[in-house]
Amino acid sequence: MSCSLELRRSWIQPKHLRLSIRRQCGLLGMATASYYYQEEPESAENLFYQRLLDEEYTRHPFYGVRKMTFWLRLQRYAVGPKRVRRLLRAMGLMAVYPKPRLSLNPLLHKRFPYLLKGLAIVRPNQVWSTDITYIRLRGGFVYLAAVIDWYSRYVLAWELSISLEADFCVAVLERALAAQRPEIFNTDQGVQFTSAQFQAPLLAAQVRLSMDGRGRAFDNIFVERLWRTVKYEEVYLKDYRDVQEARQSLGKYFPFYNEQRIHQALDYRTPQNVHFATP
């Protein structure tokens, strides 16, 4: 089973009697530099700007660097496009609009066509999808990944991570696949989802892979709606102190979302009622 860089790092014993740090890193499949690397925390000012950018992106996901910079200046913040671009990249946020197709190495990142155009979604486990979003903390931020069923809006699995490595996305996927299996699995073209590590469990389960057009987040519309709901109903109201508090609070919210929150699009039923309804 795959595990995150942070978890592998925690397994290393600095004063191991027989194995050096270098040898322990090699056995765990990680670079020695990854063990010693300490990420520089963002300044309080940048964290403040990230909060503003996160909220504005949730409202207007089609705003790119120039519009985000102009919007911040309208709020009387003297921020340049270079800083806005870096902060958006750190948050994993990308404007929703068609982008040029850049040359890609097909040996490293395999892409699949979008299979959902014109497809009628008529039953649970017909289509699943996943994505990653930025979750702010009082003194930093983490990333949230989730797997959702398109028909029922049921969240099958979710997880938090302090990095955008593919490992935590794979962990969420494997947790969802442990109980059920979809006919089609849809993602965007992010490097986490085009990696062989992520695609292997789906291909092994004979699931058909589908991918959004480049820069077209609304091809994955139900995940985008989920993120807005989670942020407006949970994240923006709580102001999490740290990762542990975020995990505990989201651990209460997602059962509420699945089991108690009624959806107008589901005829005022809950995702759980629809997902597990007897045919």
Protein backbone atom coordinates (compact mmCIF):
# COMPACT_ATOMS: atom_id res chain seq x y z
CA MET A 1 0.00 0.00 0.00
CA SER A 2 1.26 3.48 -0.82
CA CYS A 3 1.94 5.96 1.96
CA SER A 4 2.76 9.65 2.15
CA LEU A 5 6.23 11.14 2.33
CA GLU A 6 5.42 12.45 5.81
CA LEU A 7 4.50 8.96 7.06
CA ARG A 8 7.63 7.37 5.55
CA ARG A 9 9.74 10.12 7.13
CA SER A 10 8.20 9.36 10.54
CA TRP A 11 9.31 5.73 10.29
CA ILE A 12 13.01 6.65 10.09
CA GLN A 13 14.96 6.30 13.35
CA PRO A 14 17.77 8.89 13.51
CA LYS A 15 19.80 6.81 16.01
CA HIS A 16 19.22 3.35 14.51
CA LEU A 17 22.00 0.98 15.71
CA ARG A 18 22.53 -0.79 12.37
CA LEU A 19 21.06 1.32 9.56
CA SER A 20 22.21 4.76 8.50
CA ILE A 21 19.72 7.48 7.53
CA ARG A 22 20.73 6.98 3.90
CA ARG A 23 20.07 3.23 4.07
CA GLN A 24 16.69 3.69 5.79
CA CYS A 25 15.63 6.22 3.12
CA GLY A 26 16.65 3.77 0.39
CA LEU A 27 14.58 0.96 1.92
CA LEU A 28 11.55 3.26 2.10
CA GLY A 29 11.97 4.41 -1.52
CA MET A 30 12.62 8.06 -0.75
CA ALA A 31 15.53 10.41 -1.42
CA THR A 32 17.79 11.24 1.52
CA ALA A 33 17.24 14.95 0.81
CA SER A 34 13.51 14.43 1.39
CA TYR A 35 14.21 13.39 4.98
CA TYR A 36 16.21 16.51 5.78
CA TYR A 37 14.09 18.95 3.77
CA GLN A 38 12.09 21.43 5.85
CA GLU A 39 9.59 23.50 3.91
CA GLU A 40 9.81 27.24 4.58
CA PRO A 41 6.48 28.37 6.10
CA GLU A 42 4.56 31.15 4.39
CA SER A 43 4.62 34.58 5.99
CA ALA A 44 1.54 35.84 7.82
CA GLU A 45 1.02 38.33 4.99
CA ASN A 46 1.06 35.61 2.31
CA LEU A 47 -1.30 33.43 4.34
CA PHE A 48 -3.69 36.39 4.53
CA TYR A 49 -3.55 36.82 0.74
CA GLN A 50 -4.09 33.07 0.27
CA ARG A 51 -7.27 33.28 2.32
CA LEU A 52 -8.55 36.09 0.10
CA LEU A 53 -7.57 34.25 -3.09
CA ASP A 54 -9.21 31.03 -1.90
CA GLU A 55 -12.51 32.79 -1.21
CA GLU A 56 -12.46 34.69 -4.51
CA TYR A 57 -11.56 31.54 -6.46
CA THR A 58 -14.50 29.73 -4.84
CA ARG A 59 -16.76 32.54 -6.09
CA HIS A 60 -15.12 33.00 -9.51
CA PRO A 61 -13.00 29.97 -10.53
CA PHE A 62 -12.48 31.45 -14.01
CA TYR A 63 -10.28 34.28 -12.65
CA GLY A 64 -6.63 33.89 -13.68
CA VAL A 65 -3.54 35.64 -12.33
CA ARG A 66 -4.24 39.01 -13.95
CA LYS A 67 -7.86 39.20 -12.78
CA MET A 68 -6.94 37.99 -9.29
CA THR A 69 -4.22 40.64 -9.09
CA PHE A 70 -6.63 43.35 -10.29
CA TRP A 71 -9.26 42.17 -7.79
CA LEU A 72 -6.77 42.36 -4.89
CA ARG A 73 -5.77 45.86 -5.96
CA LEU A 74 -9.44 46.86 -6.00
CA GLN A 75 -9.45 45.79 -2.34
CA ARG A 76 -6.49 48.19 -1.89
CA TYR A 77 -3.81 45.50 -1.49
CA ALA A 78 -0.57 46.32 -3.34
CA VAL A 79 0.17 42.84 -4.68
CA GLY A 80 1.95 42.08 -7.94
CA PRO A 81 1.13 39.30 -10.43
CA LYS A 82 4.37 37.44 -9.67
CA ARG A 83 3.35 36.91 -6.05
CA VAL A 84 -0.26 36.06 -6.97
CA ARG A 85 0.95 33.45 -9.46
CA ARG A 86 3.21 31.81 -6.88
CA LEU A 87 0.52 31.75 -4.20
CA LEU A 88 -2.07 30.28 -6.56
CA ARG A 89 0.37 27.56 -7.60
CA ALA A 90 1.14 26.74 -3.97
CA MET A 91 -2.60 26.42 -3.34
CA GLY A 92 -3.10 24.18 -6.37
CA LEU A 93 -5.58 26.64 -7.91
CA MET A 94 -5.86 27.10 -11.66
CA ALA A 95 -8.28 29.29 -13.59
CA VAL A 96 -11.03 27.48 -15.51
CA TYR A 97 -10.58 28.16 -19.22
CA PRO A 98 -9.22 26.21 -22.20
CA LYS A 99 -5.41 26.21 -22.32
CA PRO A 100 -2.97 25.23 -25.06
CA ARG A 101 -2.01 21.55 -25.18
CA LEU A 102 1.64 21.44 -24.20
CA SER A 103 3.99 18.63 -25.17
CA LEU A 104 3.87 15.83 -22.58
CA ASN A 105 5.90 12.70 -22.02
CA PRO A 106 3.46 9.84 -22.72
CA LEU A 107 5.68 7.40 -20.85
CA LEU A 108 5.23 9.31 -17.60
CA HIS A 109 1.68 10.67 -17.83
CA LYS A 110 -1.01 8.70 -19.61
CA ARG A 111 -4.16 10.61 -20.48
CA PHE A 112 -7.60 9.32 -21.40
CA PRO A 113 -10.48 10.94 -23.34
CA TYR A 114 -13.44 12.55 -21.62
CA LEU A 115 -16.23 9.93 -21.58
CA LEU A 116 -19.05 11.83 -19.92
CA LYS A 117 -20.20 14.27 -22.61
CA GLY A 118 -23.90 13.57 -23.23
CA LEU A 119 -23.86 10.56 -20.89
CA ALA A 120 -27.03 10.13 -18.80
CA ILE A 121 -26.12 9.46 -15.18
CA VAL A 122 -28.89 7.12 -14.02
CA ARG A 123 -27.53 4.92 -11.19
CA PRO A 124 -25.07 4.84 -8.28
CA ASN A 125 -21.53 3.68 -9.02
CA GLN A 126 -21.90 4.53 -12.69
CA VAL A 127 -19.46 7.46 -12.46
CA TRP A 128 -17.09 8.47 -9.69
CA SER A 129 -14.70 11.40 -9.70
CA THR A 130 -12.05 12.97 -7.51
CA ASP A 131 -10.20 16.24 -7.09
CA ILE A 132 -8.03 18.20 -4.66
CA THR A 133 -8.80 21.51 -3.00
CA TYR A 134 -7.01 23.96 -0.71
CA ILE A 135 -8.09 24.07 2.96
CA ARG A 136 -6.88 27.01 4.99
CA LEU A 137 -5.66 26.79 8.59
CA ARG A 138 -5.02 29.59 11.04
CA GLY A 139 -1.26 29.37 10.48
CA GLY A 140 -0.95 27.55 7.17
CA PHE A 141 -2.91 25.26 4.87
CA VAL A 142 -3.47 21.65 3.84
CA TYR A 143 -4.99 19.90 0.84
CA LEU A 144 -8.23 17.91 0.80
CA ALA A 145 -8.95 15.09 -1.65
CA ALA A 146 -12.27 13.27 -1.96
CA VAL A 147 -13.98 10.67 -4.13
CA ILE A 148 -17.65 11.35 -4.95
CA ASP A 149 -20.38 9.40 -6.74
CA TRP A 150 -21.98 11.54 -9.46
CA TYR A 151 -25.47 10.10 -9.23
CA SER A 152 -25.96 10.26 -5.46
CA ARG A 153 -23.37 12.96 -4.52
CA TYR A 154 -22.21 10.47 -1.87
CA VAL A 155 -18.64 11.07 -0.64
CA LEU A 156 -17.03 7.64 -0.66
CA ALA A 157 -13.68 8.65 0.88
CA TRP A 158 -11.64 11.73 1.78
CA GLU A 159 -8.22 12.60 3.18
CA LEU A 160 -5.99 15.55 4.13
CA SER A 161 -2.34 16.06 3.24
CA ILE A 162 0.26 18.78 3.77
CA SER A 163 1.65 18.20 0.26
CA LEU A 164 0.36 17.64 -3.27
CA GLU A 165 2.10 14.29 -3.73
CA ALA A 166 0.12 11.56 -5.46
CA ASP A 167 0.34 9.22 -2.44
CA PHE A 168 -2.55 10.67 -0.50
CA CYS A 169 -4.77 10.67 -3.62
CA VAL A 170 -3.98 6.99 -4.11
CA ALA A 171 -4.82 6.30 -0.46
CA VAL A 172 -8.25 7.95 -0.87
CA LEU A 173 -8.89 5.99 -4.07
CA GLU A 174 -7.93 2.66 -2.51
CA ARG A 175 -10.20 3.34 0.46
CA ALA A 176 -13.15 4.00 -1.87
CA LEU A 177 -12.42 0.93 -4.03
CA ALA A 178 -12.22 -1.31 -0.95
CA ALA A 179 -16.02 -1.23 -0.62
CA GLN A 180 -17.39 -0.56 -4.13
CA ARG A 181 -16.33 -0.07 -7.74
CA PRO A 182 -17.50 2.40 -10.42
CA GLU A 183 -17.98 1.81 -14.12
CA ILE A 184 -16.19 5.08 -15.02
CA PHE A 185 -13.76 7.16 -12.97
CA ASN A 186 -13.30 10.81 -13.99
CA THR A 187 -10.47 13.19 -13.02
CA ASP A 188 -8.80 16.31 -14.30
CA GLN A 189 -5.36 16.15 -15.96
CA GLY A 190 -3.37 16.94 -12.81
CA VAL A 191 -0.08 15.08 -12.40
CA GLN A 192 -1.45 13.20 -9.38
CA PHE A 193 -4.17 11.60 -11.53
CA THR A 194 -2.17 11.00 -14.71
CA SER A 195 0.51 9.07 -12.80
CA ALA A 196 0.77 5.30 -13.20
CA GLN A 197 0.61 5.03 -9.40
CA PHE A 198 -2.91 6.47 -9.35
CA GLN A 199 -4.21 4.78 -12.49
CA ALA A 200 -2.99 1.26 -11.66
CA PRO A 201 -5.70 0.36 -9.07
CA LEU A 202 -8.44 1.54 -11.45
CA LEU A 203 -7.09 -0.34 -14.44
CA ALA A 204 -6.63 -3.46 -12.30
CA ALA A 205 -10.31 -3.20 -11.29
CA GLN A 206 -11.27 -2.83 -14.99
CA VAL A 207 -12.66 0.66 -14.43
CA ARG A 208 -12.84 2.93 -17.48
CA LEU A 209 -10.83 6.12 -17.03
CA SER A 210 -12.12 9.52 -18.16
CA MET A 211 -10.33 12.86 -18.03
CA ASP A 212 -11.52 16.46 -18.28
CA GLY A 213 -10.40 18.72 -21.09
CA ARG A 214 -7.39 20.83 -20.12
CA GLY A 215 -8.42 23.76 -17.92
CA ARG A 216 -12.09 22.67 -17.90
CA ALA A 217 -12.86 22.18 -14.22
CA PHE A 218 -16.60 22.14 -14.91
CA ASP A 219 -16.21 18.84 -16.74
CA ASN A 220 -15.93 17.59 -13.14
CA ILE A 221 -18.84 19.73 -11.98
CA PHE A 222 -20.06 17.64 -9.05
CA VAL A 223 -16.70 17.80 -7.29
CA GLU A 224 -16.58 21.57 -7.83
CA ARG A 225 -20.03 21.86 -6.24
CA LEU A 226 -18.87 19.68 -3.34
CA TRP A 227 -15.89 21.97 -2.68
CA ARG A 228 -18.10 25.07 -2.61
CA THR A 229 -20.49 23.36 -0.20
CA VAL A 230 -17.71 22.16 2.12
CA LYS A 231 -16.06 25.58 2.21
CA TYR A 232 -19.19 27.68 2.73
CA GLU A 233 -20.85 25.32 5.22
CA GLU A 234 -17.75 24.15 7.10
CA VAL A 235 -14.28 25.54 6.39
CA TYR A 236 -15.03 29.28 6.26
CA LEU A 237 -17.07 29.04 9.46
CA LYS A 238 -14.51 27.20 11.60
CA ASP A 239 -11.03 28.79 11.24
CA TYR A 240 -9.11 25.57 12.02
CA ARG A 241 -6.10 25.99 14.30
CA ASP A 242 -4.11 23.06 12.86
CA VAL A 243 -4.29 19.87 10.79
CA GLN A 244 -5.65 17.82 13.69
CA GLU A 245 -8.56 20.20 14.26
CA ALA A 246 -9.30 20.29 10.52
CA ARG A 247 -9.34 16.49 10.38
CA GLN A 248 -11.61 16.20 13.42
CA SER A 249 -14.05 18.85 12.19
CA LEU A 250 -14.22 17.51 8.63
CA GLY A 251 -14.61 14.04 10.15
CA LYS A 252 -17.89 15.27 11.60
CA TYR A 253 -18.97 17.25 8.56
CA PHE A 254 -18.72 14.52 5.93
CA PRO A 255 -21.03 12.08 7.82
CA PHE A 256 -23.48 14.98 8.15
CA TYR A 257 -23.15 15.70 4.42
CA ASN A 258 -23.73 12.06 3.48
CA GLU A 259 -26.36 11.07 6.02
CA GLN A 260 -28.33 14.17 7.02
CA ARG A 261 -27.89 17.00 4.50
CA ILE A 262 -30.80 16.98 2.03
CA HIS A 263 -30.20 18.00 -1.61
CA GLN A 264 -32.78 19.71 -3.76
CA ALA A 265 -31.32 17.97 -6.85
CA LEU A 266 -31.95 14.62 -5.11
CA ASP A 267 -35.63 15.39 -4.45
CA TYR A 268 -34.74 16.46 -0.91
CA ARG A 269 -33.14 13.14 -0.05
CA THR A 270 -29.68 12.61 1.41
CA PRO A 271 -26.76 11.19 -0.59
CA GLN A 272 -26.82 8.09 1.59
CA ASN A 273 -30.54 7.49 0.91
CA VAL A 274 -29.96 7.72 -2.84
CA HIS A 275 -26.69 5.82 -2.99
CA PHE A 276 -27.91 2.80 -1.05
CA ALA A 277 -31.54 2.82 -2.19
CA THR A 278 -32.91 -0.59 -3.12
CA PRO A 279 -33.45 -0.72 -6.94
